[in-house]
């Protein structure tokens, strides 16, 4: 029986919906959100823990649980440089996943991206692909990878380029061959992640954009 879920990136677009949706699942008794700054919640099941991502190993005891959701992410603009974005999008997430694997977490769920490829010429997609490879080398009994396209929904941070894309892409993606790149709501991705977490399974499974929408 599932008792405890851990969320990395709980204040982001997908993470905030994950917290809310998991809280109504009867077999989830505790939700631990790991954040850089305090993130209060009125939901009794949710316990926030502030961690120093530069010293994650000092917080190893917080990575014991039944489910580990990783939906941490930033942009080059927010991070200040490509190197800093890599630190957040790859290094922090991998170190957290490694701690969860060492703590015996049986099911790890990762938000990646459509087009993730460690050999991509696009820096963002290359980071996502590299992270996937690193995660797959860890000893989780079950790994679920979700590959959404552009995420839409209300964010705490301002991302003008994503807002413009959210307006234009639904129209552009009506063109032949581009349908698979259409935007998806962060809440919809969270719903799929919660659904998968409540089902049995082992091994590695990857959910593409079409599967996030329709399955």
N, C-alpha and C. Protein backbone atom coordinates (compact mmCIF):
# COMPACT_ATOMS: atom_id res chain seq x y z
N UNK A 1 0.85 -1.21 0.00
CA UNK A 1 0.00 0.00 0.00
C UNK A 1 0.88 1.25 0.00
N UNK A 2 0.49 2.22 -0.82
CA UNK A 2 1.22 3.49 -0.89
C UNK A 2 0.87 4.32 0.35
N UNK A 3 1.87 4.88 0.98
CA UNK A 3 1.63 5.73 2.14
C UNK A 3 2.20 7.14 1.97
N UNK A 4 3.41 7.23 1.41
CA UNK A 4 4.11 8.50 1.38
C UNK A 4 4.60 8.85 -0.03
N UNK A 5 4.31 10.07 -0.44
CA UNK A 5 4.76 10.58 -1.73
C UNK A 5 5.69 11.77 -1.50
N UNK A 6 6.75 11.84 -2.30
CA UNK A 6 7.71 12.94 -2.23
C UNK A 6 7.63 13.69 -3.54
N UNK A 7 7.60 15.02 -3.46
CA UNK A 7 7.52 15.84 -4.68
C UNK A 7 8.67 16.82 -4.73
N UNK A 8 9.42 16.76 -5.82
CA UNK A 8 10.46 17.73 -6.11
C UNK A 8 9.92 18.66 -7.19
N UNK A 9 9.90 19.96 -6.90
CA UNK A 9 9.31 20.91 -7.84
C UNK A 9 7.84 21.16 -7.56
N UNK A 10 7.47 21.11 -6.29
CA UNK A 10 6.05 21.21 -5.89
C UNK A 10 5.45 22.59 -6.10
N UNK A 11 6.28 23.61 -6.26
CA UNK A 11 5.73 24.96 -6.45
C UNK A 11 5.57 25.31 -7.93
N UNK A 12 5.97 24.40 -8.81
CA UNK A 12 5.86 24.65 -10.24
C UNK A 12 4.48 24.33 -10.78
N UNK A 13 4.33 24.50 -12.08
CA UNK A 13 3.03 24.34 -12.73
C UNK A 13 2.44 22.94 -12.53
N UNK A 14 3.23 21.90 -12.74
CA UNK A 14 2.75 20.54 -12.55
C UNK A 14 2.75 20.17 -11.07
N UNK A 15 3.80 20.55 -10.37
CA UNK A 15 3.94 20.18 -8.96
C UNK A 15 2.80 20.63 -8.07
N UNK A 16 2.31 21.84 -8.29
CA UNK A 16 1.22 22.33 -7.42
C UNK A 16 -0.07 21.53 -7.65
N UNK A 17 -0.29 21.11 -8.90
CA UNK A 17 -1.47 20.27 -9.18
C UNK A 17 -1.28 18.86 -8.62
N UNK A 18 -0.06 18.36 -8.70
CA UNK A 18 0.24 17.05 -8.13
C UNK A 18 -0.09 17.01 -6.64
N UNK A 19 0.37 18.03 -5.93
CA UNK A 19 0.13 18.09 -4.48
C UNK A 19 -1.36 18.02 -4.17
N UNK A 20 -2.14 18.81 -4.89
CA UNK A 20 -3.57 18.87 -4.65
C UNK A 20 -4.26 17.55 -5.00
N UNK A 21 -3.89 16.99 -6.15
CA UNK A 21 -4.55 15.76 -6.60
C UNK A 21 -4.17 14.55 -5.75
N UNK A 22 -2.91 14.48 -5.36
CA UNK A 22 -2.49 13.36 -4.50
C UNK A 22 -3.16 13.41 -3.13
N UNK A 23 -3.45 14.62 -2.67
CA UNK A 23 -4.01 14.77 -1.32
C UNK A 23 -5.39 14.15 -1.16
N UNK A 24 -6.09 13.92 -2.26
CA UNK A 24 -7.43 13.33 -2.16
C UNK A 24 -7.41 11.81 -2.40
N UNK A 25 -6.21 11.26 -2.63
CA UNK A 25 -6.11 9.82 -2.79
C UNK A 25 -6.09 9.16 -1.41
N UNK A 26 -6.96 8.19 -1.19
CA UNK A 26 -7.10 7.58 0.14
C UNK A 26 -5.85 6.83 0.60
N UNK A 27 -5.06 6.31 -0.34
CA UNK A 27 -3.89 5.53 0.07
C UNK A 27 -2.63 6.39 0.21
N UNK A 28 -2.76 7.69 0.02
CA UNK A 28 -1.65 8.61 0.26
C UNK A 28 -1.87 9.27 1.62
N UNK A 29 -1.05 8.93 2.59
CA UNK A 29 -1.23 9.46 3.94
C UNK A 29 -0.35 10.68 4.21
N UNK A 30 0.74 10.81 3.44
CA UNK A 30 1.65 11.93 3.66
C UNK A 30 2.28 12.34 2.33
N UNK A 31 2.36 13.65 2.13
CA UNK A 31 3.00 14.21 0.94
C UNK A 31 4.10 15.16 1.42
N UNK A 32 5.32 14.86 1.05
CA UNK A 32 6.45 15.71 1.45
C UNK A 32 6.91 16.52 0.25
N UNK A 33 6.85 17.83 0.34
CA UNK A 33 7.31 18.70 -0.73
C UNK A 33 8.69 19.24 -0.36
N UNK A 34 9.64 19.07 -1.24
CA UNK A 34 11.01 19.53 -1.01
C UNK A 34 11.25 20.78 -1.84
N UNK A 35 11.48 21.90 -1.16
CA UNK A 35 11.61 23.19 -1.84
C UNK A 35 12.80 23.98 -1.32
N UNK A 36 13.21 24.96 -2.10
CA UNK A 36 14.33 25.82 -1.69
C UNK A 36 13.88 26.88 -0.69
N UNK A 37 12.62 27.28 -0.82
CA UNK A 37 12.05 28.28 0.09
C UNK A 37 10.77 27.72 0.70
N UNK A 38 10.37 28.23 1.87
CA UNK A 38 9.15 27.72 2.51
C UNK A 38 7.95 27.79 1.58
N UNK A 39 7.16 26.74 1.55
CA UNK A 39 5.95 26.68 0.72
C UNK A 39 4.82 26.14 1.58
N UNK A 40 4.06 27.02 2.15
CA UNK A 40 2.99 26.62 3.06
C UNK A 40 1.81 26.03 2.30
N UNK A 41 1.03 25.20 3.00
CA UNK A 41 -0.16 24.60 2.41
C UNK A 41 -1.20 24.41 3.51
N UNK A 42 -2.45 24.56 3.12
CA UNK A 42 -3.54 24.38 4.08
C UNK A 42 -4.01 22.92 4.12
N UNK A 43 -3.40 22.07 3.28
CA UNK A 43 -3.77 20.66 3.22
C UNK A 43 -3.01 19.89 4.29
N UNK A 44 -3.73 19.21 5.15
CA UNK A 44 -3.12 18.55 6.31
C UNK A 44 -2.10 17.48 5.92
N UNK A 45 -2.33 16.79 4.81
CA UNK A 45 -1.43 15.72 4.40
C UNK A 45 -0.06 16.23 3.94
N UNK A 46 0.02 17.49 3.58
CA UNK A 46 1.24 18.02 2.97
C UNK A 46 2.19 18.58 4.03
N UNK A 47 3.43 18.10 3.98
CA UNK A 47 4.48 18.60 4.87
C UNK A 47 5.62 19.15 4.02
N UNK A 48 5.90 20.41 4.20
CA UNK A 48 6.96 21.06 3.43
C UNK A 48 8.29 20.98 4.16
N UNK A 49 9.33 20.64 3.42
CA UNK A 49 10.68 20.61 3.95
C UNK A 49 11.57 21.49 3.08
N UNK A 50 12.22 22.46 3.69
CA UNK A 50 13.14 23.34 2.95
C UNK A 50 14.51 22.69 2.92
N UNK A 51 15.07 22.53 1.72
CA UNK A 51 16.37 21.87 1.58
C UNK A 51 17.33 22.77 0.82
N UNK A 52 18.60 22.56 1.06
CA UNK A 52 19.67 23.24 0.33
C UNK A 52 20.07 22.31 -0.81
N UNK A 53 19.75 22.68 -2.03
CA UNK A 53 20.01 21.81 -3.17
C UNK A 53 21.50 21.63 -3.45
N UNK A 54 22.33 22.50 -2.88
CA UNK A 54 23.77 22.33 -3.02
C UNK A 54 24.29 21.27 -2.05
N UNK A 55 23.47 20.92 -1.05
CA UNK A 55 23.88 19.94 -0.05
C UNK A 55 22.77 18.89 0.14
N UNK A 56 22.23 18.41 -0.95
CA UNK A 56 21.11 17.48 -0.87
C UNK A 56 21.42 16.24 -0.04
N UNK A 57 22.66 15.79 -0.09
CA UNK A 57 23.04 14.59 0.64
C UNK A 57 22.84 14.75 2.15
N UNK A 58 22.84 15.98 2.63
CA UNK A 58 22.61 16.23 4.05
C UNK A 58 21.15 15.99 4.45
N UNK A 59 20.28 15.86 3.44
CA UNK A 59 18.85 15.68 3.69
C UNK A 59 18.38 14.30 3.23
N UNK A 60 19.30 13.35 3.22
CA UNK A 60 19.00 12.01 2.69
C UNK A 60 17.79 11.37 3.36
N UNK A 61 17.56 11.67 4.66
CA UNK A 61 16.45 11.03 5.38
C UNK A 61 15.08 11.44 4.82
N UNK A 62 15.03 12.55 4.08
CA UNK A 62 13.76 13.03 3.53
C UNK A 62 13.36 12.29 2.26
N UNK A 63 14.24 11.47 1.74
CA UNK A 63 13.97 10.79 0.48
C UNK A 63 13.47 9.36 0.67
N UNK A 64 12.98 9.06 1.85
CA UNK A 64 12.39 7.74 2.11
C UNK A 64 10.89 7.82 1.89
N UNK A 65 10.37 6.99 1.00
CA UNK A 65 8.94 7.03 0.74
C UNK A 65 8.54 5.94 -0.25
N UNK A 66 7.33 6.04 -0.77
CA UNK A 66 6.81 5.05 -1.70
C UNK A 66 6.76 5.54 -3.13
N UNK A 67 6.63 6.86 -3.30
CA UNK A 67 6.60 7.48 -4.62
C UNK A 67 7.51 8.70 -4.62
N UNK A 68 8.25 8.88 -5.70
CA UNK A 68 9.07 10.08 -5.85
C UNK A 68 8.69 10.74 -7.17
N UNK A 69 8.09 11.92 -7.08
CA UNK A 69 7.72 12.69 -8.27
C UNK A 69 8.76 13.79 -8.49
N UNK A 70 9.34 13.85 -9.67
CA UNK A 70 10.33 14.89 -9.96
C UNK A 70 9.85 15.74 -11.12
N UNK A 71 9.47 16.97 -10.81
CA UNK A 71 9.01 17.89 -11.86
C UNK A 71 9.68 19.25 -11.71
N UNK A 72 10.92 19.21 -11.25
CA UNK A 72 11.70 20.42 -11.09
C UNK A 72 12.17 20.89 -12.46
N UNK A 73 12.25 22.20 -12.65
CA UNK A 73 12.74 22.71 -13.93
C UNK A 73 12.84 24.22 -13.92
N UNK A 74 13.68 24.75 -14.77
CA UNK A 74 13.84 26.18 -14.89
C UNK A 74 14.13 26.54 -16.33
N UNK A 75 14.39 27.79 -16.60
CA UNK A 75 14.76 28.25 -17.93
C UNK A 75 16.14 28.90 -17.86
N UNK A 76 16.77 29.06 -19.00
CA UNK A 76 18.07 29.71 -19.04
C UNK A 76 17.97 31.14 -18.49
N UNK A 77 16.88 31.82 -18.83
CA UNK A 77 16.69 33.20 -18.36
C UNK A 77 16.56 33.25 -16.84
N UNK A 78 15.75 32.36 -16.28
CA UNK A 78 15.57 32.33 -14.83
C UNK A 78 16.86 31.95 -14.11
N UNK A 79 17.55 30.95 -14.65
CA UNK A 79 18.76 30.45 -14.00
C UNK A 79 19.93 31.42 -14.12
N UNK A 80 19.95 32.20 -15.19
CA UNK A 80 21.02 33.17 -15.40
C UNK A 80 22.06 32.73 -16.41
N UNK A 81 22.14 31.44 -16.66
CA UNK A 81 23.09 30.92 -17.65
C UNK A 81 22.72 29.48 -17.97
N UNK A 82 23.27 28.98 -19.07
CA UNK A 82 23.02 27.60 -19.45
C UNK A 82 23.61 26.64 -18.42
N UNK A 83 24.75 27.03 -17.85
CA UNK A 83 25.40 26.19 -16.84
C UNK A 83 24.53 26.05 -15.59
N UNK A 84 23.92 27.17 -15.17
CA UNK A 84 23.06 27.13 -14.00
C UNK A 84 21.77 26.37 -14.28
N UNK A 85 21.25 26.49 -15.50
CA UNK A 85 20.07 25.72 -15.87
C UNK A 85 20.37 24.22 -15.83
N UNK A 86 21.54 23.85 -16.30
CA UNK A 86 21.95 22.44 -16.26
C UNK A 86 22.01 21.94 -14.82
N UNK A 87 22.48 22.79 -13.93
CA UNK A 87 22.59 22.39 -12.53
C UNK A 87 21.22 22.05 -11.96
N UNK A 88 20.21 22.86 -12.30
CA UNK A 88 18.85 22.62 -11.79
C UNK A 88 18.18 21.46 -12.51
N UNK A 89 18.23 21.50 -13.84
CA UNK A 89 17.47 20.54 -14.64
C UNK A 89 18.08 19.15 -14.69
N UNK A 90 19.38 19.05 -14.47
CA UNK A 90 20.03 17.74 -14.53
C UNK A 90 20.67 17.35 -13.19
N UNK A 91 21.60 18.15 -12.71
CA UNK A 91 22.36 17.76 -11.52
C UNK A 91 21.48 17.62 -10.28
N UNK A 92 20.67 18.62 -9.97
CA UNK A 92 19.84 18.55 -8.77
C UNK A 92 18.88 17.36 -8.85
N UNK A 93 18.25 17.20 -10.00
CA UNK A 93 17.27 16.12 -10.12
C UNK A 93 17.93 14.75 -10.03
N UNK A 94 19.10 14.60 -10.66
CA UNK A 94 19.76 13.31 -10.60
C UNK A 94 20.22 12.98 -9.18
N UNK A 95 20.79 13.96 -8.49
CA UNK A 95 21.24 13.71 -7.11
C UNK A 95 20.06 13.36 -6.21
N UNK A 96 18.94 14.02 -6.40
CA UNK A 96 17.74 13.71 -5.62
C UNK A 96 17.25 12.29 -5.94
N UNK A 97 17.25 11.95 -7.22
CA UNK A 97 16.82 10.62 -7.62
C UNK A 97 17.74 9.55 -7.06
N UNK A 98 19.02 9.82 -7.05
CA UNK A 98 19.99 8.86 -6.52
C UNK A 98 19.73 8.60 -5.03
N UNK A 99 19.43 9.67 -4.30
CA UNK A 99 19.13 9.53 -2.88
C UNK A 99 17.85 8.71 -2.67
N UNK A 100 16.86 8.95 -3.54
CA UNK A 100 15.60 8.20 -3.43
C UNK A 100 15.82 6.72 -3.75
N UNK A 101 16.64 6.45 -4.76
CA UNK A 101 16.93 5.06 -5.12
C UNK A 101 17.66 4.35 -3.98
N UNK A 102 18.62 5.05 -3.39
CA UNK A 102 19.39 4.47 -2.28
C UNK A 102 18.51 4.26 -1.05
N UNK A 103 17.44 5.08 -0.91
CA UNK A 103 16.53 4.94 0.22
C UNK A 103 15.48 3.87 -0.02
N UNK A 104 15.48 3.27 -1.22
CA UNK A 104 14.56 2.18 -1.51
C UNK A 104 13.21 2.59 -2.04
N UNK A 105 13.07 3.81 -2.55
CA UNK A 105 11.79 4.23 -3.15
C UNK A 105 11.49 3.32 -4.34
N UNK A 106 10.34 2.67 -4.38
CA UNK A 106 10.06 1.71 -5.44
C UNK A 106 9.61 2.30 -6.77
N UNK A 107 9.05 3.51 -6.75
CA UNK A 107 8.48 4.06 -7.99
C UNK A 107 8.90 5.52 -8.15
N UNK A 108 9.61 5.80 -9.24
CA UNK A 108 10.08 7.16 -9.54
C UNK A 108 9.36 7.66 -10.78
N UNK A 109 8.81 8.88 -10.69
CA UNK A 109 8.05 9.46 -11.81
C UNK A 109 8.68 10.79 -12.20
N UNK A 110 9.09 10.90 -13.46
CA UNK A 110 9.84 12.05 -13.94
C UNK A 110 9.11 12.80 -15.04
N UNK A 111 9.06 14.12 -14.92
CA UNK A 111 8.57 14.97 -16.01
C UNK A 111 9.77 15.31 -16.89
N UNK A 112 9.73 14.85 -18.13
CA UNK A 112 10.79 15.15 -19.10
C UNK A 112 10.21 16.08 -20.17
N UNK A 113 10.43 15.80 -21.42
CA UNK A 113 9.93 16.67 -22.49
C UNK A 113 9.82 15.91 -23.80
N UNK A 114 8.85 16.29 -24.60
CA UNK A 114 8.79 15.76 -25.96
C UNK A 114 10.10 16.10 -26.66
N UNK A 115 10.65 15.14 -27.38
CA UNK A 115 11.88 15.39 -28.10
C UNK A 115 13.14 15.25 -27.27
N UNK A 116 13.03 14.81 -26.01
CA UNK A 116 14.21 14.64 -25.17
C UNK A 116 15.20 13.70 -25.84
N UNK A 117 16.45 14.15 -25.95
CA UNK A 117 17.47 13.37 -26.64
C UNK A 117 18.84 13.85 -26.20
N UNK A 118 19.61 12.97 -25.60
CA UNK A 118 20.92 13.34 -25.08
C UNK A 118 21.88 13.80 -26.18
N UNK A 119 21.54 13.52 -27.44
CA UNK A 119 22.40 13.92 -28.55
C UNK A 119 21.82 15.09 -29.35
N UNK A 120 20.76 15.69 -28.84
CA UNK A 120 20.11 16.78 -29.55
C UNK A 120 21.00 18.01 -29.63
N UNK A 121 20.85 18.78 -30.71
CA UNK A 121 21.59 20.04 -30.84
C UNK A 121 20.94 21.14 -30.02
N UNK A 122 19.71 20.89 -29.57
CA UNK A 122 19.00 21.84 -28.72
C UNK A 122 19.39 21.59 -27.27
N UNK A 123 19.90 22.62 -26.60
CA UNK A 123 20.43 22.47 -25.24
C UNK A 123 19.38 21.94 -24.27
N UNK A 124 18.16 22.45 -24.34
CA UNK A 124 17.10 22.03 -23.43
C UNK A 124 16.77 20.55 -23.62
N UNK A 125 16.56 20.14 -24.87
CA UNK A 125 16.22 18.75 -25.14
C UNK A 125 17.38 17.82 -24.82
N UNK A 126 18.60 18.33 -25.00
CA UNK A 126 19.78 17.53 -24.65
C UNK A 126 19.85 17.30 -23.14
N UNK A 127 19.54 18.34 -22.35
CA UNK A 127 19.52 18.19 -20.89
C UNK A 127 18.48 17.16 -20.47
N UNK A 128 17.30 17.25 -21.05
CA UNK A 128 16.23 16.32 -20.68
C UNK A 128 16.61 14.89 -21.05
N UNK A 129 17.23 14.73 -22.22
CA UNK A 129 17.65 13.40 -22.63
C UNK A 129 18.75 12.84 -21.75
N UNK A 130 19.69 13.70 -21.36
CA UNK A 130 20.77 13.26 -20.49
C UNK A 130 20.23 12.85 -19.13
N UNK A 131 19.29 13.63 -18.60
CA UNK A 131 18.70 13.28 -17.31
C UNK A 131 18.00 11.93 -17.39
N UNK A 132 17.25 11.70 -18.45
CA UNK A 132 16.58 10.41 -18.61
C UNK A 132 17.59 9.26 -18.56
N UNK A 133 18.69 9.41 -19.27
CA UNK A 133 19.71 8.36 -19.29
C UNK A 133 20.27 8.11 -17.89
N UNK A 134 20.53 9.17 -17.16
CA UNK A 134 21.08 9.04 -15.81
C UNK A 134 20.09 8.34 -14.89
N UNK A 135 18.81 8.70 -15.01
CA UNK A 135 17.78 8.10 -14.17
C UNK A 135 17.64 6.60 -14.47
N UNK A 136 17.69 6.25 -15.74
CA UNK A 136 17.51 4.85 -16.13
C UNK A 136 18.63 3.96 -15.61
N UNK A 137 19.75 4.56 -15.25
CA UNK A 137 20.87 3.78 -14.72
C UNK A 137 20.73 3.51 -13.22
N UNK A 138 19.73 4.11 -12.58
CA UNK A 138 19.52 3.92 -11.15
C UNK A 138 18.67 2.67 -10.88
N UNK A 139 18.68 2.23 -9.62
CA UNK A 139 18.08 0.94 -9.28
C UNK A 139 16.62 1.01 -8.82
N UNK A 140 15.82 1.84 -9.46
CA UNK A 140 14.39 1.88 -9.12
C UNK A 140 13.70 0.65 -9.71
N UNK A 141 12.84 -0.03 -8.96
CA UNK A 141 12.07 -1.14 -9.53
C UNK A 141 11.14 -0.67 -10.65
N UNK A 142 10.68 0.57 -10.55
CA UNK A 142 9.77 1.10 -11.57
C UNK A 142 10.09 2.56 -11.84
N UNK A 143 10.18 2.92 -13.12
CA UNK A 143 10.43 4.29 -13.54
C UNK A 143 9.38 4.68 -14.58
N UNK A 144 8.70 5.80 -14.34
CA UNK A 144 7.71 6.31 -15.28
C UNK A 144 8.17 7.69 -15.77
N UNK A 145 8.31 7.82 -17.08
CA UNK A 145 8.78 9.08 -17.67
C UNK A 145 7.65 9.69 -18.50
N UNK A 146 7.40 10.97 -18.26
CA UNK A 146 6.31 11.68 -18.94
C UNK A 146 6.92 12.76 -19.83
N UNK A 147 6.53 12.76 -21.09
CA UNK A 147 7.11 13.68 -22.06
C UNK A 147 6.07 14.63 -22.65
N UNK A 148 5.70 15.66 -21.91
CA UNK A 148 4.75 16.64 -22.44
C UNK A 148 5.43 17.61 -23.40
N UNK A 149 4.63 18.36 -24.12
CA UNK A 149 5.15 19.43 -24.98
C UNK A 149 5.11 20.72 -24.16
N UNK A 150 4.86 21.85 -24.79
CA UNK A 150 4.77 23.11 -24.07
C UNK A 150 3.66 23.04 -23.04
N UNK A 151 3.98 23.41 -21.80
CA UNK A 151 3.00 23.37 -20.72
C UNK A 151 2.27 24.70 -20.60
N UNK A 152 0.97 24.63 -20.41
CA UNK A 152 0.19 25.85 -20.23
C UNK A 152 -0.54 25.80 -18.91
N UNK A 153 -0.81 26.99 -18.35
CA UNK A 153 -1.47 27.10 -17.06
C UNK A 153 -0.89 28.26 -16.29
N UNK A 154 -1.48 28.56 -15.16
CA UNK A 154 -1.04 29.69 -14.35
C UNK A 154 0.24 29.33 -13.59
N UNK A 155 1.27 30.14 -13.77
CA UNK A 155 2.54 29.94 -13.07
C UNK A 155 2.77 31.06 -12.07
N UNK A 156 3.65 30.78 -11.08
CA UNK A 156 4.05 31.82 -10.14
C UNK A 156 5.05 32.77 -10.81
N UNK A 157 5.84 32.23 -11.74
CA UNK A 157 6.84 33.03 -12.43
C UNK A 157 6.33 33.41 -13.81
N UNK A 158 6.85 34.49 -14.34
CA UNK A 158 6.43 34.98 -15.65
C UNK A 158 7.33 34.41 -16.73
N UNK A 159 6.72 33.79 -17.76
CA UNK A 159 7.47 33.26 -18.88
C UNK A 159 6.80 33.73 -20.17
N UNK A 160 7.12 34.96 -20.61
CA UNK A 160 6.46 35.55 -21.78
C UNK A 160 6.50 34.68 -23.02
N UNK A 161 7.65 34.05 -23.30
CA UNK A 161 7.76 33.22 -24.51
C UNK A 161 6.77 32.06 -24.47
N UNK A 162 6.58 31.47 -23.29
CA UNK A 162 5.65 30.35 -23.17
C UNK A 162 4.21 30.83 -23.33
N UNK A 163 3.92 32.03 -22.83
CA UNK A 163 2.56 32.56 -22.97
C UNK A 163 2.23 32.81 -24.44
N UNK A 164 3.21 33.34 -25.18
CA UNK A 164 3.00 33.56 -26.61
C UNK A 164 2.83 32.24 -27.34
N UNK A 165 3.68 31.27 -26.96
CA UNK A 165 3.58 29.95 -27.57
C UNK A 165 2.25 29.28 -27.30
N UNK A 166 1.74 29.48 -26.09
CA UNK A 166 0.46 28.88 -25.72
C UNK A 166 -0.69 29.42 -26.56
N UNK A 167 -0.54 30.66 -27.04
CA UNK A 167 -1.57 31.27 -27.87
C UNK A 167 -1.44 30.82 -29.32
N UNK A 168 -0.20 30.79 -29.81
CA UNK A 168 0.04 30.51 -31.23
C UNK A 168 0.06 29.03 -31.58
N UNK A 169 0.64 28.21 -30.69
CA UNK A 169 0.84 26.80 -31.03
C UNK A 169 -0.44 26.02 -31.33
N UNK A 170 -1.53 26.24 -30.58
CA UNK A 170 -2.74 25.47 -30.91
C UNK A 170 -3.19 25.68 -32.35
N UNK A 171 -2.95 26.87 -32.89
CA UNK A 171 -3.32 27.15 -34.28
C UNK A 171 -2.31 26.57 -35.25
N UNK A 172 -1.03 26.75 -34.94
CA UNK A 172 0.03 26.22 -35.79
C UNK A 172 -0.05 24.71 -35.87
N UNK A 173 -0.38 24.07 -34.73
CA UNK A 173 -0.38 22.61 -34.66
C UNK A 173 -1.56 21.97 -35.38
N UNK A 174 -2.42 22.79 -35.98
CA UNK A 174 -3.48 22.24 -36.82
C UNK A 174 -2.95 21.86 -38.19
N UNK A 175 -1.74 22.33 -38.49
CA UNK A 175 -1.12 22.01 -39.77
C UNK A 175 -0.72 20.53 -39.78
N UNK A 176 -0.74 19.90 -40.95
CA UNK A 176 -0.38 18.47 -41.05
C UNK A 176 1.00 18.19 -40.47
N UNK A 177 1.10 17.15 -39.62
CA UNK A 177 2.37 16.73 -39.07
C UNK A 177 2.78 17.43 -37.79
N UNK A 178 2.05 18.48 -37.39
CA UNK A 178 2.44 19.25 -36.21
C UNK A 178 1.52 19.01 -35.02
N UNK A 179 0.52 18.17 -35.20
CA UNK A 179 -0.48 17.94 -34.15
C UNK A 179 0.16 17.43 -32.85
N UNK A 180 1.23 16.63 -32.99
CA UNK A 180 1.83 16.02 -31.81
C UNK A 180 2.62 17.01 -30.96
N UNK A 181 2.75 18.27 -31.41
CA UNK A 181 3.50 19.27 -30.65
C UNK A 181 2.59 20.25 -29.91
N UNK A 182 1.28 20.02 -29.93
CA UNK A 182 0.36 20.99 -29.34
C UNK A 182 0.57 21.09 -27.83
N UNK A 183 0.26 22.25 -27.24
CA UNK A 183 0.45 22.46 -25.79
C UNK A 183 -0.48 21.56 -24.97
N UNK A 184 -0.09 21.35 -23.72
CA UNK A 184 -0.90 20.57 -22.79
C UNK A 184 -0.90 21.27 -21.43
N UNK A 185 -2.03 21.22 -20.75
CA UNK A 185 -2.15 21.87 -19.45
C UNK A 185 -1.35 21.11 -18.39
N UNK A 186 -0.69 21.86 -17.52
CA UNK A 186 0.06 21.25 -16.44
C UNK A 186 -0.81 20.36 -15.58
N UNK A 187 -2.06 20.76 -15.36
CA UNK A 187 -2.99 19.97 -14.55
C UNK A 187 -3.26 18.62 -15.19
N UNK A 188 -3.28 18.58 -16.51
CA UNK A 188 -3.56 17.33 -17.23
C UNK A 188 -2.38 16.35 -17.09
N UNK A 189 -1.17 16.89 -17.12
CA UNK A 189 0.00 16.05 -16.92
C UNK A 189 -0.01 15.48 -15.49
N UNK A 190 -0.34 16.34 -14.53
CA UNK A 190 -0.40 15.89 -13.13
C UNK A 190 -1.44 14.78 -12.96
N UNK A 191 -2.57 14.92 -13.61
CA UNK A 191 -3.63 13.90 -13.52
C UNK A 191 -3.13 12.56 -14.03
N UNK A 192 -2.41 12.58 -15.14
CA UNK A 192 -1.86 11.34 -15.68
C UNK A 192 -0.83 10.73 -14.73
N UNK A 193 0.01 11.57 -14.15
CA UNK A 193 1.03 11.08 -13.22
C UNK A 193 0.39 10.43 -12.00
N UNK A 194 -0.63 11.05 -11.47
CA UNK A 194 -1.33 10.49 -10.31
C UNK A 194 -1.97 9.16 -10.69
N UNK A 195 -2.61 9.11 -11.85
CA UNK A 195 -3.26 7.89 -12.31
C UNK A 195 -2.26 6.75 -12.42
N UNK A 196 -1.10 7.02 -13.02
CA UNK A 196 -0.07 5.99 -13.18
C UNK A 196 0.46 5.54 -11.82
N UNK A 197 0.60 6.48 -10.90
CA UNK A 197 1.13 6.15 -9.57
C UNK A 197 0.20 5.23 -8.78
N UNK A 198 -1.07 5.22 -9.16
CA UNK A 198 -2.05 4.40 -8.45
C UNK A 198 -2.24 3.02 -9.07
N UNK A 199 -1.50 2.77 -10.15
CA UNK A 199 -1.58 1.48 -10.82
C UNK A 199 -0.31 0.68 -10.55
N UNK A 200 -0.43 -0.62 -10.60
CA UNK A 200 0.73 -1.47 -10.41
C UNK A 200 1.62 -1.51 -11.64
N UNK A 201 2.83 -2.02 -11.47
CA UNK A 201 3.73 -2.15 -12.60
C UNK A 201 5.17 -2.22 -12.16
N UNK A 202 6.02 -2.63 -13.10
CA UNK A 202 7.46 -2.67 -12.86
C UNK A 202 8.17 -2.26 -14.14
N UNK A 203 9.46 -2.00 -14.03
CA UNK A 203 10.24 -1.67 -15.20
C UNK A 203 10.11 -0.21 -15.61
N UNK A 204 10.40 0.07 -16.86
CA UNK A 204 10.41 1.44 -17.38
C UNK A 204 9.25 1.65 -18.34
N UNK A 205 8.54 2.76 -18.18
CA UNK A 205 7.45 3.12 -19.07
C UNK A 205 7.58 4.60 -19.42
N UNK A 206 7.33 4.93 -20.68
CA UNK A 206 7.42 6.31 -21.15
C UNK A 206 6.10 6.72 -21.76
N UNK A 207 5.59 7.86 -21.34
CA UNK A 207 4.31 8.35 -21.82
C UNK A 207 4.53 9.57 -22.71
N UNK A 208 4.17 9.43 -23.98
CA UNK A 208 4.33 10.51 -24.94
C UNK A 208 3.14 11.47 -24.84
N UNK A 209 3.21 12.54 -25.62
CA UNK A 209 2.15 13.55 -25.57
C UNK A 209 0.78 12.95 -25.87
N UNK A 210 0.68 12.10 -26.88
CA UNK A 210 -0.60 11.51 -27.24
C UNK A 210 -1.16 10.69 -26.09
N UNK A 211 -0.29 9.98 -25.39
CA UNK A 211 -0.74 9.15 -24.26
C UNK A 211 -1.14 10.01 -23.07
N UNK A 212 -0.52 11.16 -22.91
CA UNK A 212 -0.90 12.06 -21.84
C UNK A 212 -2.28 12.64 -22.08
N UNK A 213 -2.61 12.87 -23.35
CA UNK A 213 -3.91 13.43 -23.68
C UNK A 213 -5.02 12.38 -23.61
N UNK A 214 -4.75 11.20 -24.13
CA UNK A 214 -5.84 10.27 -24.42
C UNK A 214 -5.87 8.99 -23.60
N UNK A 215 -4.81 8.66 -22.85
CA UNK A 215 -4.85 7.38 -22.14
C UNK A 215 -4.83 7.56 -20.65
